[in-house]
């Protein structure tokens, strides 16, 4: 398990993970069986994702942890954000035209 922890900590270097690193961290954790160590890693990644406003990653982490309420809340928040982004594009295109 030490190599697993080293790999995970490498991904989290300095406490911040860039967008592609979030994807890599999730993909890595998905290969592991759930244990107390993996659960701690999912929780750590969830906290970092929330702090870095990576709500899709946080949603996935809370789903893996079995926290349905947080996962569902983040899913709905992500849907609202995506809809708002689409509306902003429409407004911008109407303004430019």
N, C-alpha and C. Protein backbone atom coordinates (compact mmCIF):
# COMPACT_ATOMS: atom_id res chain seq x y z
N UNK A 1 0.82 -1.19 0.00
CA UNK A 1 0.00 0.00 0.00
C UNK A 1 0.86 1.26 0.00
N UNK A 2 2.12 1.18 0.40
CA UNK A 2 2.98 2.36 0.42
C UNK A 2 3.13 2.99 -0.96
N UNK A 3 3.26 2.17 -2.01
CA UNK A 3 3.38 2.71 -3.36
C UNK A 3 2.11 3.44 -3.77
N UNK A 4 0.97 2.95 -3.32
CA UNK A 4 -0.31 3.60 -3.61
C UNK A 4 -0.33 4.99 -2.98
N UNK A 5 0.08 5.07 -1.74
CA UNK A 5 0.08 6.36 -1.04
C UNK A 5 1.08 7.31 -1.69
N UNK A 6 2.24 6.82 -2.07
CA UNK A 6 3.24 7.66 -2.74
C UNK A 6 2.69 8.20 -4.05
N UNK A 7 2.06 7.33 -4.85
CA UNK A 7 1.47 7.77 -6.11
C UNK A 7 0.42 8.84 -5.88
N UNK A 8 -0.44 8.61 -4.90
CA UNK A 8 -1.51 9.57 -4.63
C UNK A 8 -0.95 10.90 -4.15
N UNK A 9 0.03 10.86 -3.26
CA UNK A 9 0.63 12.10 -2.76
C UNK A 9 1.36 12.85 -3.87
N UNK A 10 1.95 12.10 -4.80
CA UNK A 10 2.61 12.74 -5.94
C UNK A 10 1.61 13.55 -6.74
N UNK A 11 0.42 12.99 -6.93
CA UNK A 11 -0.63 13.68 -7.68
C UNK A 11 -1.06 14.94 -6.93
N UNK A 12 -1.02 14.94 -5.62
CA UNK A 12 -1.49 16.07 -4.81
C UNK A 12 -0.41 17.09 -4.47
N UNK A 13 0.74 17.01 -5.07
CA UNK A 13 1.88 17.83 -4.70
C UNK A 13 1.50 19.26 -4.34
N UNK A 14 1.95 19.71 -3.19
CA UNK A 14 1.73 21.05 -2.64
C UNK A 14 0.25 21.34 -2.35
N UNK A 15 -0.60 20.33 -2.30
CA UNK A 15 -1.98 20.54 -1.91
C UNK A 15 -2.92 20.98 -3.02
N UNK A 16 -2.40 21.26 -4.20
CA UNK A 16 -3.24 21.70 -5.31
C UNK A 16 -3.02 20.79 -6.51
N UNK A 17 -4.11 20.53 -7.21
CA UNK A 17 -4.03 19.66 -8.37
C UNK A 17 -4.62 20.42 -9.54
N UNK A 18 -3.89 20.50 -10.63
CA UNK A 18 -4.43 21.15 -11.82
C UNK A 18 -5.51 20.26 -12.42
N UNK A 19 -6.32 20.82 -13.29
CA UNK A 19 -7.50 20.13 -13.83
C UNK A 19 -7.18 18.72 -14.32
N UNK A 20 -6.17 18.53 -15.11
CA UNK A 20 -5.85 17.20 -15.63
C UNK A 20 -5.39 16.27 -14.52
N UNK A 21 -4.79 16.84 -13.50
CA UNK A 21 -4.36 16.03 -12.37
C UNK A 21 -5.57 15.50 -11.59
N UNK A 22 -6.66 16.29 -11.56
CA UNK A 22 -7.88 15.81 -10.91
C UNK A 22 -8.37 14.56 -11.62
N UNK A 23 -8.39 14.63 -12.94
CA UNK A 23 -8.84 13.49 -13.73
C UNK A 23 -7.95 12.29 -13.46
N UNK A 24 -6.65 12.52 -13.40
CA UNK A 24 -5.70 11.43 -13.13
C UNK A 24 -5.91 10.84 -11.74
N UNK A 25 -6.14 11.70 -10.76
CA UNK A 25 -6.34 11.23 -9.39
C UNK A 25 -7.61 10.38 -9.28
N UNK A 26 -8.69 10.83 -9.92
CA UNK A 26 -9.94 10.05 -9.89
C UNK A 26 -9.74 8.72 -10.59
N UNK A 27 -9.12 8.75 -11.76
CA UNK A 27 -8.89 7.51 -12.51
C UNK A 27 -8.05 6.54 -11.69
N UNK A 28 -7.05 7.06 -10.99
CA UNK A 28 -6.21 6.21 -10.15
C UNK A 28 -7.00 5.61 -9.00
N UNK A 29 -7.77 6.43 -8.29
CA UNK A 29 -8.52 5.94 -7.14
C UNK A 29 -9.59 4.92 -7.55
N UNK A 30 -10.13 5.08 -8.74
CA UNK A 30 -11.15 4.13 -9.21
C UNK A 30 -10.59 2.73 -9.41
N UNK A 31 -9.28 2.60 -9.54
CA UNK A 31 -8.67 1.28 -9.72
C UNK A 31 -8.48 0.53 -8.40
N UNK A 32 -8.63 1.24 -7.29
CA UNK A 32 -8.36 0.66 -5.98
C UNK A 32 -9.64 0.14 -5.32
N UNK A 33 -9.48 -0.93 -4.55
CA UNK A 33 -10.59 -1.40 -3.73
C UNK A 33 -10.74 -0.45 -2.55
N UNK A 34 -11.98 -0.29 -2.10
CA UNK A 34 -12.24 0.62 -0.98
C UNK A 34 -11.67 0.03 0.30
N UNK A 35 -10.88 0.82 0.97
CA UNK A 35 -10.30 0.47 2.27
C UNK A 35 -10.25 1.77 3.07
N UNK A 36 -9.81 1.72 4.28
CA UNK A 36 -9.74 2.95 5.06
C UNK A 36 -8.75 3.94 4.44
N UNK A 37 -7.66 3.42 3.85
CA UNK A 37 -6.68 4.29 3.20
C UNK A 37 -7.27 4.94 1.95
N UNK A 38 -7.97 4.13 1.13
CA UNK A 38 -8.55 4.68 -0.11
C UNK A 38 -9.65 5.67 0.23
N UNK A 39 -10.42 5.35 1.25
CA UNK A 39 -11.48 6.27 1.67
C UNK A 39 -10.88 7.62 2.09
N UNK A 40 -9.78 7.58 2.79
CA UNK A 40 -9.10 8.83 3.19
C UNK A 40 -8.60 9.59 1.97
N UNK A 41 -8.12 8.86 0.97
CA UNK A 41 -7.66 9.51 -0.26
C UNK A 41 -8.82 10.16 -1.01
N UNK A 42 -9.97 9.44 -1.11
CA UNK A 42 -11.16 10.02 -1.76
C UNK A 42 -11.59 11.28 -1.01
N UNK A 43 -11.57 11.23 0.33
CA UNK A 43 -11.98 12.38 1.13
C UNK A 43 -11.02 13.55 0.93
N UNK A 44 -9.74 13.25 0.91
CA UNK A 44 -8.74 14.29 0.68
C UNK A 44 -8.92 14.94 -0.68
N UNK A 45 -9.13 14.12 -1.70
CA UNK A 45 -9.33 14.65 -3.05
C UNK A 45 -10.62 15.47 -3.11
N UNK A 46 -11.66 15.03 -2.43
CA UNK A 46 -12.92 15.78 -2.39
C UNK A 46 -12.70 17.17 -1.80
N UNK A 47 -11.96 17.23 -0.70
CA UNK A 47 -11.70 18.52 -0.05
C UNK A 47 -10.87 19.44 -0.95
N UNK A 48 -9.86 18.89 -1.57
CA UNK A 48 -9.03 19.70 -2.47
C UNK A 48 -9.85 20.17 -3.67
N UNK A 49 -10.67 19.28 -4.21
CA UNK A 49 -11.51 19.64 -5.36
C UNK A 49 -12.48 20.76 -4.99
N UNK A 50 -13.09 20.67 -3.84
CA UNK A 50 -14.00 21.74 -3.41
C UNK A 50 -13.26 23.06 -3.25
N UNK A 51 -12.09 23.02 -2.63
CA UNK A 51 -11.30 24.25 -2.44
C UNK A 51 -10.86 24.86 -3.76
N UNK A 52 -10.70 24.01 -4.78
CA UNK A 52 -10.24 24.49 -6.09
C UNK A 52 -11.41 24.67 -7.07
N UNK A 53 -12.63 24.58 -6.56
CA UNK A 53 -13.86 24.77 -7.36
C UNK A 53 -13.98 23.76 -8.50
N UNK A 54 -13.47 22.56 -8.27
CA UNK A 54 -13.60 21.46 -9.25
C UNK A 54 -14.79 20.61 -8.83
N UNK A 55 -15.99 21.14 -9.10
CA UNK A 55 -17.20 20.54 -8.55
C UNK A 55 -17.53 19.18 -9.16
N UNK A 56 -17.18 18.95 -10.42
CA UNK A 56 -17.42 17.63 -11.01
C UNK A 56 -16.58 16.56 -10.30
N UNK A 57 -15.34 16.92 -10.01
CA UNK A 57 -14.46 15.98 -9.30
C UNK A 57 -14.99 15.74 -7.89
N UNK A 58 -15.39 16.79 -7.21
CA UNK A 58 -15.92 16.65 -5.85
C UNK A 58 -17.17 15.77 -5.87
N UNK A 59 -18.03 15.97 -6.87
CA UNK A 59 -19.23 15.14 -7.00
C UNK A 59 -18.87 13.66 -7.10
N UNK A 60 -17.87 13.35 -7.93
CA UNK A 60 -17.44 11.97 -8.12
C UNK A 60 -16.86 11.40 -6.82
N UNK A 61 -16.09 12.21 -6.11
CA UNK A 61 -15.48 11.76 -4.85
C UNK A 61 -16.54 11.42 -3.82
N UNK A 62 -17.52 12.30 -3.65
CA UNK A 62 -18.56 12.04 -2.66
C UNK A 62 -19.42 10.85 -3.05
N UNK A 63 -19.59 10.62 -4.36
CA UNK A 63 -20.31 9.42 -4.80
C UNK A 63 -19.52 8.18 -4.41
N UNK A 64 -18.22 8.21 -4.61
CA UNK A 64 -17.37 7.07 -4.25
C UNK A 64 -17.42 6.81 -2.74
N UNK A 65 -17.54 7.88 -1.97
CA UNK A 65 -17.59 7.75 -0.51
C UNK A 65 -18.97 7.35 -0.01
N UNK A 66 -19.94 7.31 -0.92
CA UNK A 66 -21.29 6.93 -0.54
C UNK A 66 -22.09 8.07 0.08
N UNK A 67 -21.59 9.29 -0.06
CA UNK A 67 -22.29 10.46 0.47
C UNK A 67 -23.25 10.97 -0.61
N UNK A 68 -24.43 10.35 -0.64
CA UNK A 68 -25.41 10.63 -1.68
C UNK A 68 -25.88 12.08 -1.64
N UNK A 69 -26.08 12.62 -0.46
CA UNK A 69 -26.60 13.99 -0.33
C UNK A 69 -25.64 15.00 -0.96
N UNK A 70 -24.35 14.91 -0.62
CA UNK A 70 -23.38 15.85 -1.18
C UNK A 70 -23.20 15.63 -2.67
N UNK A 71 -23.15 14.39 -3.08
CA UNK A 71 -22.98 14.08 -4.50
C UNK A 71 -24.16 14.62 -5.31
N UNK A 72 -25.36 14.41 -4.82
CA UNK A 72 -26.55 14.89 -5.52
C UNK A 72 -26.59 16.42 -5.55
N UNK A 73 -26.26 17.05 -4.44
CA UNK A 73 -26.23 18.51 -4.37
C UNK A 73 -25.23 19.07 -5.39
N UNK A 74 -24.05 18.48 -5.44
CA UNK A 74 -23.05 18.94 -6.39
C UNK A 74 -23.48 18.66 -7.83
N UNK A 75 -24.15 17.55 -8.05
CA UNK A 75 -24.65 17.23 -9.39
C UNK A 75 -25.64 18.31 -9.84
N UNK A 76 -26.57 18.67 -8.97
CA UNK A 76 -27.54 19.71 -9.30
C UNK A 76 -26.86 21.06 -9.50
N UNK A 77 -25.87 21.35 -8.68
CA UNK A 77 -25.12 22.60 -8.81
C UNK A 77 -24.39 22.64 -10.15
N UNK A 78 -23.78 21.51 -10.53
CA UNK A 78 -23.09 21.43 -11.82
C UNK A 78 -24.06 21.64 -12.97
N UNK A 79 -25.27 21.08 -12.87
CA UNK A 79 -26.26 21.26 -13.93
C UNK A 79 -26.67 22.73 -14.04
N UNK A 80 -26.87 23.39 -12.92
CA UNK A 80 -27.23 24.81 -12.92
C UNK A 80 -26.10 25.63 -13.56
N UNK A 81 -24.86 25.33 -13.19
CA UNK A 81 -23.71 26.06 -13.74
C UNK A 81 -23.60 25.86 -15.25
N UNK A 82 -23.82 24.63 -15.71
CA UNK A 82 -23.75 24.36 -17.14
C UNK A 82 -24.85 25.10 -17.90
N UNK A 83 -26.05 25.14 -17.34
CA UNK A 83 -27.16 25.86 -17.96
C UNK A 83 -26.86 27.37 -17.99
N UNK A 84 -26.32 27.90 -16.91
CA UNK A 84 -25.96 29.32 -16.86
C UNK A 84 -24.90 29.65 -17.91
N UNK A 85 -23.93 28.76 -18.07
CA UNK A 85 -22.88 28.97 -19.07
C UNK A 85 -23.48 29.00 -20.48
N UNK A 86 -24.41 28.10 -20.76
CA UNK A 86 -25.07 28.08 -22.07
C UNK A 86 -25.83 29.38 -22.30
N UNK A 87 -26.52 29.86 -21.27
CA UNK A 87 -27.27 31.11 -21.39
C UNK A 87 -26.35 32.30 -21.62
N UNK A 88 -25.20 32.29 -20.96
CA UNK A 88 -24.23 33.38 -21.16
C UNK A 88 -23.72 33.40 -22.59
N UNK A 89 -23.50 32.24 -23.17
CA UNK A 89 -23.06 32.16 -24.57
C UNK A 89 -24.14 32.73 -25.47
N UNK A 90 -25.40 32.35 -25.23
CA UNK A 90 -26.51 32.87 -26.03
C UNK A 90 -26.61 34.38 -25.93
N UNK A 91 -26.49 34.90 -24.71
CA UNK A 91 -26.54 36.36 -24.51
C UNK A 91 -25.42 37.04 -25.25
N UNK A 92 -24.22 36.48 -25.14
CA UNK A 92 -23.06 37.06 -25.82
C UNK A 92 -23.26 37.04 -27.33
N UNK A 93 -23.73 35.92 -27.87
CA UNK A 93 -23.95 35.82 -29.31
C UNK A 93 -25.02 36.80 -29.79
N UNK A 94 -26.06 36.99 -28.99
CA UNK A 94 -27.10 37.96 -29.34
C UNK A 94 -26.56 39.38 -29.29
N UNK A 95 -25.69 39.67 -28.34
CA UNK A 95 -25.10 40.99 -28.19
C UNK A 95 -24.17 41.30 -29.36
N UNK A 96 -23.39 40.31 -29.77
CA UNK A 96 -22.42 40.49 -30.85
C UNK A 96 -23.11 40.63 -32.20
N UNK A 97 -24.23 39.94 -32.38
CA UNK A 97 -24.93 39.95 -33.67
C UNK A 97 -25.53 41.26 -34.01
